[in-house]
C-alpha atoms as a PDB file:
ATOM      1  CA  MET A   1     -46.461  48.032-100.387  1.00  0.00           C
ATOM      2  CA  LYS A   2     -44.329  49.042 -97.415  1.00  0.00           C
ATOM      3  CA  ARG A   3     -40.675  48.066 -97.241  1.00  0.00           C
ATOM      4  CA  PHE A   4     -39.614  46.660 -93.891  1.00  0.00           C
ATOM      5  CA  VAL A   5     -36.145  47.416 -92.563  1.00  0.00           C
ATOM      6  CA  GLN A   6     -34.399  44.661 -90.616  1.00  0.00           C
ATOM      7  CA  PHE A   7     -32.096  46.011 -87.920  1.00  0.00           C
ATOM      8  CA  ILE A   8     -29.185  44.146 -86.340  1.00  0.00           C
ATOM      9  CA  ALA A   9     -29.790  44.301 -82.598  1.00  0.00           C
ATOM     10  CA  GLY A  10     -26.945  45.758 -80.563  1.00  0.00           C
ATOM     11  CA  ALA A  11     -24.804  46.570 -83.613  1.00  0.00           C
ATOM     12  CA  ILE A  12     -22.677  49.708 -83.381  1.00  0.00           C
ATOM     13  CA  CYS A  13     -21.886  51.725 -86.494  1.00  0.00           C
ATOM     14  CA  PRO A  14     -18.116  51.820 -87.122  1.00  0.00           C
ATOM     15  CA  GLU A  15     -18.300  55.409 -88.394  1.00  0.00           C
ATOM     16  CA  CYS A  16     -20.738  57.344 -86.208  1.00  0.00           C
ATOM     17  CA  LYS A  17     -20.606  54.914 -83.219  1.00  0.00           C
ATOM     18  CA  SER A  18     -24.402  54.923 -82.864  1.00  0.00           C
ATOM     19  CA  LYS A  19     -25.973  51.803 -81.402  1.00  0.00           C
ATOM     20  CA  ASP A  20     -28.928  50.011 -83.034  1.00  0.00           C
ATOM     21  CA  THR A  21     -28.724  51.990 -86.298  1.00  0.00           C
ATOM     22  CA  ILE A  22     -27.282  49.216 -88.509  1.00  0.00           C
ATOM     23  CA  ALA A  23     -29.835  47.740 -90.892  1.00  0.00           C
ATOM     24  CA  LEU A  24     -29.714  44.913 -93.398  1.00  0.00           C
ATOM     25  CA  ASN A  25     -30.721  45.231 -97.035  1.00  0.00           C
ATOM     26  CA  PRO A  26     -31.668  41.632 -97.933  1.00  0.00           C
ATOM     27  CA  SER A  27     -31.900  42.236-101.681  1.00  0.00           C
ATOM     28  CA  ASP A  28     -28.187  42.969-102.171  1.00  0.00           C
ATOM     29  CA  ASP A  29     -26.623  41.762 -98.891  1.00  0.00           C
ATOM     30  CA  GLU A  30     -25.508  45.204 -97.744  1.00  0.00           C
ATOM     31  CA  ILE A  31     -25.503  46.521 -94.221  1.00  0.00           C
ATOM     32  CA  TYR A  32     -25.911  50.238 -93.682  1.00  0.00           C
ATOM     33  CA  CYS A  33     -26.359  52.836 -90.980  1.00  0.00           C
ATOM     34  CA  VAL A  34     -29.614  54.782 -90.975  1.00  0.00           C
ATOM     35  CA  LYS A  35     -27.949  57.699 -89.163  1.00  0.00           C
ATOM     36  CA  CYS A  36     -24.825  58.288 -91.296  1.00  0.00           C
ATOM     37  CA  ASP A  37     -23.574  57.288 -94.769  1.00  0.00           C
ATOM     38  CA  PHE A  38     -21.918  53.998 -93.739  1.00  0.00           C
ATOM     39  CA  ILE A  39     -22.473  51.108 -96.199  1.00  0.00           C
ATOM     40  CA  GLU A  40     -20.687  47.746 -96.271  1.00  0.00           C
ATOM     41  CA  LYS A  41     -21.139  44.422 -98.034  1.00  0.00           C
ATOM     42  CA  ARG A  42     -22.183  41.690 -95.628  1.00  0.00           C
ATOM     43  CA  PRO A  43     -19.323  39.182 -95.143  1.00  0.00           C
ATOM     44  CA  GLU A  44     -19.739  35.812 -96.830  1.00  0.00           C
ATOM     45  CA  LEU A  45     -19.086  32.510 -95.110  1.00  0.00           C
ATOM     46  CA  LYS A  46     -16.053  31.813 -97.291  1.00  0.00           C
ATOM     47  CA  ASP A  47     -14.540  35.134 -96.153  1.00  0.00           C
ATOM     48  CA  LEU A  48     -14.549  34.098 -92.504  1.00  0.00           C
ATOM     49  CA  LYS A  49     -11.293  32.745 -91.122  1.00  0.00           C
ATOM     50  CA  LYS A  50     -11.109  29.053 -90.331  1.00  0.00           C
ATOM     51  CA  GLU A  51      -9.728  29.990 -86.928  1.00  0.00           C
ATOM     52  CA  SER A  52     -13.178  31.147 -85.923  1.00  0.00           C
ATOM     53  CA  GLU A  53     -14.507  27.590 -86.215  1.00  0.00           C
ATOM     54  CA  ILE A  54     -15.315  25.848 -82.966  1.00  0.00           C
ATOM     55  CA  LYS A  55     -12.847  23.085 -82.152  1.00  0.00           C
ATOM     56  CA  VAL A  56     -14.390  20.107 -80.402  1.00  0.00           C
ATOM     57  CA  ILE A  57     -12.226  17.826 -78.292  1.00  0.00           C
ATOM     58  CA  ASN A  58     -12.941  14.784 -76.178  1.00  0.00           C
ATOM     59  CA  ILE A  59     -12.516  15.707 -72.504  1.00  0.00           C
ATOM     60  CA  GLN A  60     -11.019  12.298 -71.619  1.00  0.00           C
ATOM     61  CA  ASP A  61      -8.356  12.718 -74.330  1.00  0.00           C
ATOM     62  CA  PHE A  62      -7.614  16.204 -73.055  1.00  0.00           C
ATOM     63  CA  LYS A  63      -7.154  14.941 -69.499  1.00  0.00           C
ATOM     64  CA  LYS A  64      -4.902  12.079 -70.645  1.00  0.00           C
ATOM     65  CA  ASN A  65      -2.660  14.471 -72.607  1.00  0.00           C
ATOM     66  CA  ARG A  66      -2.601  16.943 -69.739  1.00  0.00           C
ATOM     67  CA  ASP A  67      -1.627  14.257 -67.240  1.00  0.00           C
ATOM     68  CA  LYS A  68       1.184  13.006 -69.526  1.00  0.00           C
ATOM     69  CA  ASN A  69       2.693  16.480 -69.705  1.00  0.00           C
ATOM     70  CA  GLN A  70       2.718  17.046 -65.935  1.00  0.00           C
END
């Protein structure tokens, strides 16, 4: 049975700077470069900073606060 390699489109390797050479190993959540020896564990959701979350605001509230401060 053939093993399929899943590539991450547009990804650039941090070591060799090659584009489209980063692949994903789904069995152990590693990403690796097929051109050089770069290997890294895929980040987990809990590792991501909370600052990267999208903040949703009501546009009317924003306008009211903006108008108060002017």
